[in-house]
Amino acid sequence: MAVTIRPDSERVTTQQAADILGVSRPTVVRLVDSGALPAEKIGRHRRILLADVLAHQSLRRIGQLDAIVATSDRDAEIPDAEFFKSARKASAAARRERA
């Protein structure tokens, strides 16, 4: 696993933003064009503040958790972050075993 330290004021390309968000570059372009992700256009190229990419990632994660809670049984206990972390680890371990 690699760790990268970058300043929040750094500008990233649409491909770098896509890699961070785990989506395709055209998806990032659509997010920028729709205004969901602020960006600056330099010539033909778009540059996005790393802080904006990370903020969008956090909002998307919150939206996903809200959707899970909204579609779950109201009487059931609402899962916390540790539940999702352990579920992701179990899923990754199962993928490694299949490979």
PDB file of N, CA and C in Angstrom:
ATOM      1  N   MET A   1       0.852  -1.178   0.000  1.00  0.00           N
ATOM      2  CA  MET A   1       0.000   0.000   0.000  1.00  0.00           C
ATOM      3  C   MET A   1       0.897   1.241   0.000  1.00  0.00           C
ATOM      4  N   ALA A   2       0.528   2.199  -0.816  1.00  0.00           N
ATOM      5  CA  ALA A   2       1.295   3.433  -0.908  1.00  0.00           C
ATOM      6  C   ALA A   2       0.565   4.547  -0.172  1.00  0.00           C
ATOM      7  N   VAL A   3       1.326   5.471   0.351  1.00  0.00           N
ATOM      8  CA  VAL A   3       0.778   6.631   1.028  1.00  0.00           C
ATOM      9  C   VAL A   3       1.331   7.860   0.337  1.00  0.00           C
ATOM     10  N   THR A   4       0.440   8.806   0.039  1.00  0.00           N
ATOM     11  CA  THR A   4       0.859  10.041  -0.607  1.00  0.00           C
ATOM     12  C   THR A   4       0.429  11.208   0.258  1.00  0.00           C
ATOM     13  N   ILE A   5       1.320  12.138   0.476  1.00  0.00           N
ATOM     14  CA  ILE A   5       1.000  13.348   1.236  1.00  0.00           C
ATOM     15  C   ILE A   5       1.054  14.509   0.271  1.00  0.00           C
ATOM     16  N   ARG A   6      -0.059  15.236   0.185  1.00  0.00           N
ATOM     17  CA  ARG A   6      -0.145  16.374  -0.720  1.00  0.00           C
ATOM     18  C   ARG A   6      -0.826  17.530   0.001  1.00  0.00           C
ATOM     19  N   PRO A   7      -0.487  18.759  -0.366  1.00  0.00           N
ATOM     20  CA  PRO A   7      -1.197  19.900   0.228  1.00  0.00           C
ATOM     21  C   PRO A   7      -2.616  19.990  -0.346  1.00  0.00           C
ATOM     22  N   ASP A   8      -3.578  20.427   0.482  1.00  0.00           N
ATOM     23  CA  ASP A   8      -4.962  20.572   0.029  1.00  0.00           C
ATOM     24  C   ASP A   8      -5.108  21.588  -1.100  1.00  0.00           C
ATOM     25  N   SER A   9      -4.166  22.514  -1.194  1.00  0.00           N
ATOM     26  CA  SER A   9      -4.272  23.554  -2.224  1.00  0.00           C
ATOM     27  C   SER A   9      -3.775  23.057  -3.582  1.00  0.00           C
ATOM     28  N   GLU A  10      -3.290  21.827  -3.647  1.00  0.00           N
ATOM     29  CA  GLU A  10      -2.795  21.284  -4.910  1.00  0.00           C
ATOM     30  C   GLU A  10      -3.952  21.065  -5.882  1.00  0.00           C
ATOM     31  N   ARG A  11      -3.689  21.341  -7.136  1.00  0.00           N
ATOM     32  CA  ARG A  11      -4.678  21.097  -8.179  1.00  0.00           C
ATOM     33  C   ARG A  11      -4.352  19.767  -8.851  1.00  0.00           C
ATOM     34  N   VAL A  12      -5.398  18.987  -9.108  1.00  0.00           N
ATOM     35  CA  VAL A  12      -5.217  17.686  -9.738  1.00  0.00           C
ATOM     36  C   VAL A  12      -5.948  17.656 -11.073  1.00  0.00           C
ATOM     37  N   THR A  13      -5.534  16.736 -11.937  1.00  0.00           N
ATOM     38  CA  THR A  13      -6.192  16.561 -13.229  1.00  0.00           C
ATOM     39  C   THR A  13      -7.475  15.762 -13.038  1.00  0.00           C
ATOM     40  N   THR A  14      -8.277  15.691 -14.090  1.00  0.00           N
ATOM     41  CA  THR A  14      -9.505  14.902 -13.991  1.00  0.00           C
ATOM     42  C   THR A  14      -9.180  13.419 -13.810  1.00  0.00           C
ATOM     43  N   GLN A  15      -8.084  12.938 -14.411  1.00  0.00           N
ATOM     44  CA  GLN A  15      -7.704  11.533 -14.237  1.00  0.00           C
ATOM     45  C   GLN A  15      -7.264  11.261 -12.801  1.00  0.00           C
ATOM     46  N   GLN A  16      -6.494  12.169 -12.217  1.00  0.00           N
ATOM     47  CA  GLN A  16      -6.076  11.990 -10.831  1.00  0.00           C
ATOM     48  C   GLN A  16      -7.287  12.025  -9.901  1.00  0.00           C
ATOM     49  N   ALA A  17      -8.229  12.939 -10.169  1.00  0.00           N
ATOM     50  CA  ALA A  17      -9.450  13.004  -9.360  1.00  0.00           C
ATOM     51  C   ALA A  17     -10.250  11.716  -9.498  1.00  0.00           C
ATOM     52  N   ALA A  18     -10.316  11.174 -10.714  1.00  0.00           N
ATOM     53  CA  ALA A  18     -11.035   9.916 -10.946  1.00  0.00           C
ATOM     54  C   ALA A  18     -10.398   8.781 -10.160  1.00  0.00           C
ATOM     55  N   ASP A  19      -9.068   8.744 -10.134  1.00  0.00           N
ATOM     56  CA  ASP A  19      -8.366   7.705  -9.379  1.00  0.00           C
ATOM     57  C   ASP A  19      -8.661   7.814  -7.884  1.00  0.00           C
ATOM     58  N   ILE A  20      -8.699   9.032  -7.371  1.00  0.00           N
ATOM     59  CA  ILE A  20      -8.986   9.245  -5.946  1.00  0.00           C
ATOM     60  C   ILE A  20     -10.411   8.822  -5.617  1.00  0.00           C
ATOM     61  N   LEU A  21     -11.360   9.198  -6.487  1.00  0.00           N
ATOM     62  CA  LEU A  21     -12.771   8.919  -6.233  1.00  0.00           C
ATOM     63  C   LEU A  21     -13.172   7.487  -6.595  1.00  0.00           C
ATOM     64  N   GLY A  22     -12.333   6.804  -7.374  1.00  0.00           N
ATOM     65  CA  GLY A  22     -12.673   5.445  -7.777  1.00  0.00           C
ATOM     66  C   GLY A  22     -13.722   5.398  -8.867  1.00  0.00           C
ATOM     67  N   VAL A  23     -13.734   6.401  -9.734  1.00  0.00           N
ATOM     68  CA  VAL A  23     -14.668   6.458 -10.854  1.00  0.00           C
ATOM     69  C   VAL A  23     -13.872   6.683 -12.138  1.00  0.00           C
ATOM     70  N   SER A  24     -14.559   6.733 -13.262  1.00  0.00           N
ATOM     71  CA  SER A  24     -13.873   6.961 -14.531  1.00  0.00           C
ATOM     72  C   SER A  24     -13.635   8.456 -14.744  1.00  0.00           C
ATOM     73  N   ARG A  25     -12.692   8.773 -15.627  1.00  0.00           N
ATOM     74  CA  ARG A  25     -12.412  10.172 -15.941  1.00  0.00           C
ATOM     75  C   ARG A  25     -13.636  10.857 -16.565  1.00  0.00           C
ATOM     76  N   PRO A  26     -14.368  10.203 -17.500  1.00  0.00           N
ATOM     77  CA  PRO A  26     -15.568  10.851 -18.027  1.00  0.00           C
ATOM     78  C   PRO A  26     -16.611  11.177 -16.946  1.00  0.00           C
ATOM     79  N   THR A  27     -16.679  10.346 -15.904  1.00  0.00           N
ATOM     80  CA  THR A  27     -17.597  10.637 -14.800  1.00  0.00           C
ATOM     81  C   THR A  27     -17.183  11.915 -14.080  1.00  0.00           C
ATOM     82  N   VAL A  28     -15.878  12.097 -13.867  1.00  0.00           N
ATOM     83  CA  VAL A  28     -15.390  13.325 -13.227  1.00  0.00           C
ATOM     84  C   VAL A  28     -15.694  14.528 -14.116  1.00  0.00           C
ATOM     85  N   VAL A  29     -15.515  14.380 -15.417  1.00  0.00           N
ATOM     86  CA  VAL A  29     -15.814  15.479 -16.344  1.00  0.00           C
ATOM     87  C   VAL A  29     -17.297  15.841 -16.249  1.00  0.00           C
ATOM     88  N   ARG A  30     -18.172  14.833 -16.184  1.00  0.00           N
ATOM     89  CA  ARG A  30     -19.610  15.108 -16.042  1.00  0.00           C
ATOM     90  C   ARG A  30     -19.911  15.818 -14.721  1.00  0.00           C
ATOM     91  N   LEU A  31     -19.236  15.411 -13.642  1.00  0.00           N
ATOM     92  CA  LEU A  31     -19.427  16.075 -12.350  1.00  0.00           C
ATOM     93  C   LEU A  31     -18.999  17.536 -12.426  1.00  0.00           C
ATOM     94  N   VAL A  32     -17.891  17.798 -13.116  1.00  0.00           N
ATOM     95  CA  VAL A  32     -17.403  19.171 -13.266  1.00  0.00           C
ATOM     96  C   VAL A  32     -18.372  19.976 -14.121  1.00  0.00           C
ATOM     97  N   ASP A  33     -18.800  19.410 -15.248  1.00  0.00           N
ATOM     98  CA  ASP A  33     -19.700  20.127 -16.161  1.00  0.00           C
ATOM     99  C   ASP A  33     -21.055  20.407 -15.526  1.00  0.00           C
ATOM    100  N   SER A  34     -21.510  19.510 -14.636  1.00  0.00           N
ATOM    101  CA  SER A  34     -22.800  19.713 -13.976  1.00  0.00           C
ATOM    102  C   SER A  34     -22.708  20.675 -12.796  1.00  0.00           C
ATOM    103  N   GLY A  35     -21.476  20.988 -12.359  1.00  0.00           N
ATOM    104  CA  GLY A  35     -21.295  21.892 -11.231  1.00  0.00           C
ATOM    105  C   GLY A  35     -21.214  21.184  -9.890  1.00  0.00           C
ATOM    106  N   ALA A  36     -21.301  19.860  -9.890  1.00  0.00           N
ATOM    107  CA  ALA A  36     -21.224  19.109  -8.632  1.00  0.00           C
ATOM    108  C   ALA A  36     -19.812  19.109  -8.065  1.00  0.00           C
ATOM    109  N   LEU A  37     -18.825  19.328  -8.923  1.00  0.00           N
ATOM    110  CA  LEU A  37     -17.420  19.348  -8.505  1.00  0.00           C
ATOM    111  C   LEU A  37     -16.785  20.599  -9.115  1.00  0.00           C
ATOM    112  N   PRO A  38     -16.443  21.588  -8.290  1.00  0.00           N
ATOM    113  CA  PRO A  38     -15.871  22.827  -8.836  1.00  0.00           C
ATOM    114  C   PRO A  38     -14.496  22.583  -9.448  1.00  0.00           C
ATOM    115  N   ALA A  39     -14.249  23.254 -10.565  1.00  0.00           N
ATOM    116  CA  ALA A  39     -12.961  23.106 -11.244  1.00  0.00           C
ATOM    117  C   ALA A  39     -12.622  24.395 -11.979  1.00  0.00           C
ATOM    118  N   GLU A  40     -11.360  24.509 -12.317  1.00  0.00           N
ATOM    119  CA  GLU A  40     -10.874  25.653 -13.080  1.00  0.00           C
ATOM    120  C   GLU A  40     -10.424  25.118 -14.431  1.00  0.00           C
ATOM    121  N   LYS A  41     -10.756  25.835 -15.489  1.00  0.00           N
ATOM    122  CA  LYS A  41     -10.350  25.404 -16.814  1.00  0.00           C
ATOM    123  C   LYS A  41      -9.146  26.228 -17.249  1.00  0.00           C
ATOM    124  N   ILE A  42      -8.069  25.538 -17.547  1.00  0.00           N
ATOM    125  CA  ILE A  42      -6.842  26.184 -18.011  1.00  0.00           C
ATOM    126  C   ILE A  42      -6.651  25.723 -19.452  1.00  0.00           C
ATOM    127  N   GLY A  43      -6.957  26.601 -20.383  1.00  0.00           N
ATOM    128  CA  GLY A  43      -6.934  26.203 -21.784  1.00  0.00           C
ATOM    129  C   GLY A  43      -8.019  25.174 -22.013  1.00  0.00           C
ATOM    130  N   ARG A  44      -7.628  24.013 -22.497  1.00  0.00           N
ATOM    131  CA  ARG A  44      -8.598  22.928 -22.694  1.00  0.00           C
ATOM    132  C   ARG A  44      -8.663  21.992 -21.502  1.00  0.00           C
ATOM    133  N   HIS A  45      -7.816  22.182 -20.528  1.00  0.00           N
ATOM    134  CA  HIS A  45      -7.687  21.255 -19.405  1.00  0.00           C
ATOM    135  C   HIS A  45      -8.412  21.756 -18.163  1.00  0.00           C
ATOM    136  N   ARG A  46      -8.972  20.812 -17.431  1.00  0.00           N
ATOM    137  CA  ARG A  46      -9.636  21.131 -16.169  1.00  0.00           C
ATOM    138  C   ARG A  46      -8.691  20.792 -15.024  1.00  0.00           C
ATOM    139  N   ARG A  47      -8.664  21.653 -14.036  1.00  0.00           N
ATOM    140  CA  ARG A  47      -7.882  21.398 -12.826  1.00  0.00           C
ATOM    141  C   ARG A  47      -8.823  21.556 -11.638  1.00  0.00           C
ATOM    142  N   ILE A  48      -8.708  20.610 -10.711  1.00  0.00           N
ATOM    143  CA  ILE A  48      -9.615  20.549  -9.565  1.00  0.00           C
ATOM    144  C   ILE A  48      -8.784  20.599  -8.300  1.00  0.00           C
ATOM    145  N   LEU A  49      -9.221  21.410  -7.330  1.00  0.00           N
ATOM    146  CA  LEU A  49      -8.519  21.444  -6.046  1.00  0.00           C
ATOM    147  C   LEU A  49      -8.664  20.093  -5.348  1.00  0.00           C
ATOM    148  N   LEU A  50      -7.564  19.607  -4.830  1.00  0.00           N
ATOM    149  CA  LEU A  50      -7.579  18.340  -4.113  1.00  0.00           C
ATOM    150  C   LEU A  50      -8.572  18.387  -2.955  1.00  0.00           C
ATOM    151  N   ALA A  51      -8.651  19.514  -2.277  1.00  0.00           N
ATOM    152  CA  ALA A  51      -9.591  19.661  -1.160  1.00  0.00           C
ATOM    153  C   ALA A  51     -11.033  19.472  -1.640  1.00  0.00           C
ATOM    154  N   ASP A  52     -11.358  19.968  -2.844  1.00  0.00           N
ATOM    155  CA  ASP A  52     -12.709  19.792  -3.387  1.00  0.00           C
ATOM    156  C   ASP A  52     -12.986  18.327  -3.726  1.00  0.00           C
ATOM    157  N   VAL A  53     -11.975  17.635  -4.231  1.00  0.00           N
ATOM    158  CA  VAL A  53     -12.132  16.214  -4.547  1.00  0.00           C
ATOM    159  C   VAL A  53     -12.385  15.423  -3.260  1.00  0.00           C
ATOM    160  N   LEU A  54     -11.613  15.703  -2.233  1.00  0.00           N
ATOM    161  CA  LEU A  54     -11.776  14.994  -0.959  1.00  0.00           C
ATOM    162  C   LEU A  54     -13.107  15.323  -0.302  1.00  0.00           C
ATOM    163  N   ALA A  55     -13.556  16.576  -0.416  1.00  0.00           N
ATOM    164  CA  ALA A  55     -14.865  16.959   0.134  1.00  0.00           C
ATOM    165  C   ALA A  55     -15.986  16.223  -0.602  1.00  0.00           C
ATOM    166  N   HIS A  56     -15.869  16.121  -1.926  1.00  0.00           N
ATOM    167  CA  HIS A  56     -16.872  15.401  -2.709  1.00  0.00           C
ATOM    168  C   HIS A  56     -16.897  13.926  -2.313  1.00  0.00           C
ATOM    169  N   GLN A  57     -15.726  13.358  -2.076  1.00  0.00           N
ATOM    170  CA  GLN A  57     -15.625  11.959  -1.660  1.00  0.00           C
ATOM    171  C   GLN A  57     -16.341  11.750  -0.326  1.00  0.00           C
ATOM    172  N   SER A  58     -16.146  12.670   0.611  1.00  0.00           N
ATOM    173  CA  SER A  58     -16.803  12.561   1.923  1.00  0.00           C
ATOM    174  C   SER A  58     -18.314  12.689   1.794  1.00  0.00           C
ATOM    175  N   LEU A  59     -18.773  13.648   0.984  1.00  0.00           N
ATOM    176  CA  LEU A  59     -20.216  13.829   0.786  1.00  0.00           C
ATOM    177  C   LEU A  59     -20.841  12.604   0.131  1.00  0.00           C
ATOM    178  N   ARG A  60     -20.126  12.025  -0.820  1.00  0.00           N
ATOM    179  CA  ARG A  60     -20.635  10.831  -1.493  1.00  0.00           C
ATOM    180  C   ARG A  60     -20.744   9.675  -0.503  1.00  0.00           C
ATOM    181  N   ARG A  61     -19.747   9.521   0.354  1.00  0.00           N
ATOM    182  CA  ARG A  61     -19.775   8.446   1.353  1.00  0.00           C
ATOM    183  C   ARG A  61     -20.945   8.653   2.330  1.00  0.00           C
ATOM    184  N   ILE A  62     -21.163   9.880   2.760  1.00  0.00           N
ATOM    185  CA  ILE A  62     -22.292  10.171   3.659  1.00  0.00           C
ATOM    186  C   ILE A  62     -23.608   9.856   2.962  1.00  0.00           C
ATOM    187  N   GLY A  63     -23.712  10.223   1.684  1.00  0.00           N
ATOM    188  CA  GLY A  63     -24.920   9.923   0.918  1.00  0.00           C
ATOM    189  C   GLY A  63     -25.167   8.427   0.797  1.00  0.00           C
ATOM    190  N   GLN A  64     -24.093   7.662   0.614  1.00  0.00           N
ATOM    191  CA  GLN A  64     -24.221   6.210   0.530  1.00  0.00           C
ATOM    192  C   GLN A  64     -24.715   5.634   1.847  1.00  0.00           C
ATOM    193  N   LEU A  65     -24.147   6.106   2.956  1.00  0.00           N
ATOM    194  CA  LEU A  65     -24.577   5.614   4.269  1.00  0.00           C
ATOM    195  C   LEU A  65     -26.023   6.006   4.555  1.00  0.00           C
ATOM    196  N   ASP A  66     -26.417   7.218   4.155  1.00  0.00           N
ATOM    197  CA  ASP A  66     -27.805   7.644   4.326  1.00  0.00           C
ATOM    198  C   ASP A  66     -28.755   6.758   3.528  1.00  0.00           C
ATOM    199  N   ALA A  67     -28.343   6.384   2.308  1.00  0.00           N
ATOM    200  CA  ALA A  67     -29.181   5.511   1.491  1.00  0.00           C
ATOM    201  C   ALA A  67     -29.321   4.133   2.121  1.00  0.00           C
ATOM    202  N   ILE A  68     -28.253   3.632   2.706  1.00  0.00           N
ATOM    203  CA  ILE A  68     -28.310   2.330   3.372  1.00  0.00           C
ATOM    204  C   ILE A  68     -29.268   2.391   4.551  1.00  0.00           C
ATOM    205  N   VAL A  69     -29.165   3.443   5.332  1.00  0.00           N
ATOM    206  CA  VAL A  69     -30.047   3.594   6.489  1.00  0.00           C
ATOM    207  C   VAL A  69     -31.496   3.753   6.046  1.00  0.00           C
ATOM    208  N   ALA A  70     -31.728   4.519   4.965  1.00  0.00           N
ATOM    209  CA  ALA A  70     -33.087   4.758   4.492  1.00  0.00           C
ATOM    210  C   ALA A  70     -33.754   3.488   3.974  1.00  0.00           C
ATOM    211  N   THR A  71     -32.962   2.570   3.440  1.00  0.00           N
ATOM    212  CA  THR A  71     -33.548   1.352   2.887  1.00  0.00           C
ATOM    213  C   THR A  71     -33.501   0.172   3.853  1.00  0.00           C
ATOM    214  N   SER A  72     -32.947   0.386   5.032  1.00  0.00           N
ATOM    215  CA  SER A  72     -32.853  -0.716   5.995  1.00  0.00           C
ATOM    216  C   SER A  72     -34.115  -0.790   6.845  1.00  0.00           C
ATOM    217  N   ASP A  73     -34.221  -1.880   7.570  1.00  0.00           N
ATOM    218  CA  ASP A  73     -35.336  -2.089   8.485  1.00  0.00           C
ATOM    219  C   ASP A  73     -35.264  -1.044   9.587  1.00  0.00           C
ATOM    220  N   ARG A  74     -36.338  -0.334   9.803  1.00  0.00           N
ATOM    221  CA  ARG A  74     -36.356   0.757  10.797  1.00  0.00           C
ATOM    222  C   ARG A  74     -36.084   0.256  12.216  1.00  0.00           C
ATOM    223  N   ASP A  75     -36.459  -0.989  12.505  1.00  0.00           N
ATOM    224  CA  ASP A  75     -36.261  -1.513  13.854  1.00  0.00           C
ATOM    225  C   ASP A  75     -34.854  -2.043  14.067  1.00  0.00           C
ATOM    226  N   ALA A  76     -34.138  -2.248  12.976  1.00  0.00           N
ATOM    227  CA  ALA A  76     -32.789  -2.792  13.093  1.00  0.00           C
ATOM    228  C   ALA A  76     -31.832  -1.718  13.587  1.00  0.00           C
ATOM    229  N   GLU A  77     -30.753  -2.198  14.191  1.00  0.00           N
ATOM    230  CA  GLU A  77     -29.725  -1.279  14.670  1.00  0.00           C
ATOM    231  C   GLU A  77     -29.005  -0.653  13.478  1.00  0.00           C
ATOM    232  N   ILE A  78     -28.774   0.651  13.518  1.00  0.00           N
ATOM    233  CA  ILE A  78     -28.081   1.340  12.433  1.00  0.00           C
ATOM    234  C   ILE A  78     -26.602   1.010  12.530  1.00  0.00           C
ATOM    235  N   PRO A  79     -26.017   0.465  11.430  1.00  0.00           N
ATOM    236  CA  PRO A  79     -24.604   0.093  11.479  1.00  0.00           C
ATOM    237  C   PRO A  79     -23.700   1.311  11.605  1.00  0.00           C
ATOM    238  N   ASP A  80     -22.579   1.127  12.267  1.00  0.00           N
ATOM    239  CA  ASP A  80     -21.623   2.218  12.420  1.00  0.00           C
ATOM    240  C   ASP A  80     -20.464   2.017  11.444  1.00  0.00           C
ATOM    241  N   ALA A  81     -19.508   2.924  11.498  1.00  0.00           N
ATOM    242  CA  ALA A  81     -18.378   2.893  10.569  1.00  0.00           C
ATOM    243  C   ALA A  81     -17.567   1.611  10.727  1.00  0.00           C
ATOM    244  N   GLU A  82     -17.441   1.095  11.938  1.00  0.00           N
ATOM    245  CA  GLU A  82     -16.676  -0.141  12.161  1.00  0.00           C
ATOM    246  C   GLU A  82     -17.334  -1.334  11.473  1.00  0.00           C
ATOM    247  N   PHE A  83     -18.656  -1.342  11.445  1.00  0.00           N
ATOM    248  CA  PHE A  83     -19.369  -2.419  10.761  1.00  0.00           C
ATOM    249  C   PHE A  83     -18.998  -2.433   9.280  1.00  0.00           C
ATOM    250  N   PHE A  84     -19.016  -1.241   8.644  1.00  0.00           N
ATOM    251  CA  PHE A  84     -18.700  -1.157   7.222  1.00  0.00           C
ATOM    252  C   PHE A  84     -17.227  -1.473   6.965  1.00  0.00           C
ATOM    253  N   LYS A  85     -16.360  -1.074   7.871  1.00  0.00           N
ATOM    254  CA  LYS A  85     -14.932  -1.362   7.724  1.00  0.00           C
ATOM    255  C   LYS A  85     -14.693  -2.868   7.761  1.00  0.00           C
ATOM    256  N   SER A  86     -15.309  -3.547   8.713  1.00  0.00           N
ATOM    257  CA  SER A  86     -15.124  -4.999   8.805  1.00  0.00           C
ATOM    258  C   SER A  86     -15.759  -5.706   7.608  1.00  0.00           C
ATOM    259  N   ALA A  87     -16.863  -5.186   7.099  1.00  0.00           N
ATOM    260  CA  ALA A  87     -17.501  -5.783   5.919  1.00  0.00           C
ATOM    261  C   ALA A  87     -16.605  -5.631   4.697  1.00  0.00           C
ATOM    262  N   ARG A  88     -15.954  -4.467   4.539  1.00  0.00           N
ATOM    263  CA  ARG A  88     -15.034  -4.264   3.409  1.00  0.00           C
ATOM    264  C   ARG A  88     -13.832  -5.202   3.518  1.00  0.00           C
ATOM    265  N   LYS A  89     -13.310  -5.390   4.740  1.00  0.00           N
ATOM    266  CA  LYS A  89     -12.175  -6.299   4.931  1.00  0.00           C
ATOM    267  C   LYS A  89     -12.565  -7.732   4.583  1.00  0.00           C
ATOM    268  N   ALA A  90     -13.739  -8.148   5.000  1.00  0.00           N
ATOM    269  CA  ALA A  90     -14.191  -9.506   4.701  1.00  0.00           C
ATOM    270  C   ALA A  90     -14.379  -9.688   3.196  1.00  0.00           C
ATOM    271  N   SER A  91     -14.910  -8.696   2.542  1.00  0.00           N
ATOM    272  CA  SER A  91     -15.101  -8.756   1.097  1.00  0.00           C
ATOM    273  C   SER A  91     -13.763  -8.831   0.371  1.00  0.00           C
ATOM    274  N   ALA A  92     -12.797  -8.041   0.801  1.00  0.00           N
ATOM    275  CA  ALA A  92     -11.469  -8.052   0.185  1.00  0.00           C
ATOM    276  C   ALA A  92     -10.788  -9.403   0.394  1.00  0.00           C
ATOM    277  N   ALA A  93     -10.930  -9.973   1.589  1.00  0.00           N
ATOM    278  CA  ALA A  93     -10.334 -11.280   1.864  1.00  0.00           C
ATOM    279  C   ALA A  93     -10.961 -12.356   0.972  1.00  0.00           C
ATOM    280  N   ALA A  94     -12.268 -12.283   0.766  1.00  0.00           N
ATOM    281  CA  ALA A  94     -12.943 -13.257  -0.100  1.00  0.00           C
ATOM    282  C   ALA A  94     -12.470 -13.124  -1.546  1.00  0.00           C
ATOM    283  N   ARG A  95     -12.240 -11.900  -2.007  1.00  0.00           N
ATOM    284  CA  ARG A  95     -11.729 -11.675  -3.367  1.00  0.00           C
ATOM    285  C   ARG A  95     -10.330 -12.256  -3.513  1.00  0.00           C
ATOM    286  N   ARG A  96      -9.491 -12.046  -2.478  1.00  0.00           N
ATOM    287  CA  ARG A  96      -8.113 -12.579  -2.529  1.00  0.00           C
ATOM    288  C   ARG A  96      -8.120 -14.101  -2.584  1.00  0.00           C
ATOM    289  N   GLU A  97      -9.031 -14.739  -1.869  1.00  0.00           N
ATOM    290  CA  GLU A  97      -9.110 -16.200  -1.876  1.00  0.00           C
ATOM    291  C   GLU A  97      -9.530 -16.725  -3.229  1.00  0.00           C
ATOM    292  N   ARG A  98     -10.417 -16.012  -3.924  1.00  0.00           N
ATOM    293  CA  ARG A  98     -10.875 -16.452  -5.250  1.00  0.00           C
ATOM    294  C   ARG A  98      -9.787 -16.283  -6.300  1.00  0.00           C
ATOM    295  N   ALA A  99      -8.891 -15.321  -6.093  1.00  0.00           N
ATOM    296  CA  ALA A  99      -7.855 -15.038  -7.110  1.00  0.00           C
ATOM    297  C   ALA A  99      -6.727 -16.015  -7.106  1.00  0.00           C
TER     298      ALA A  99
END
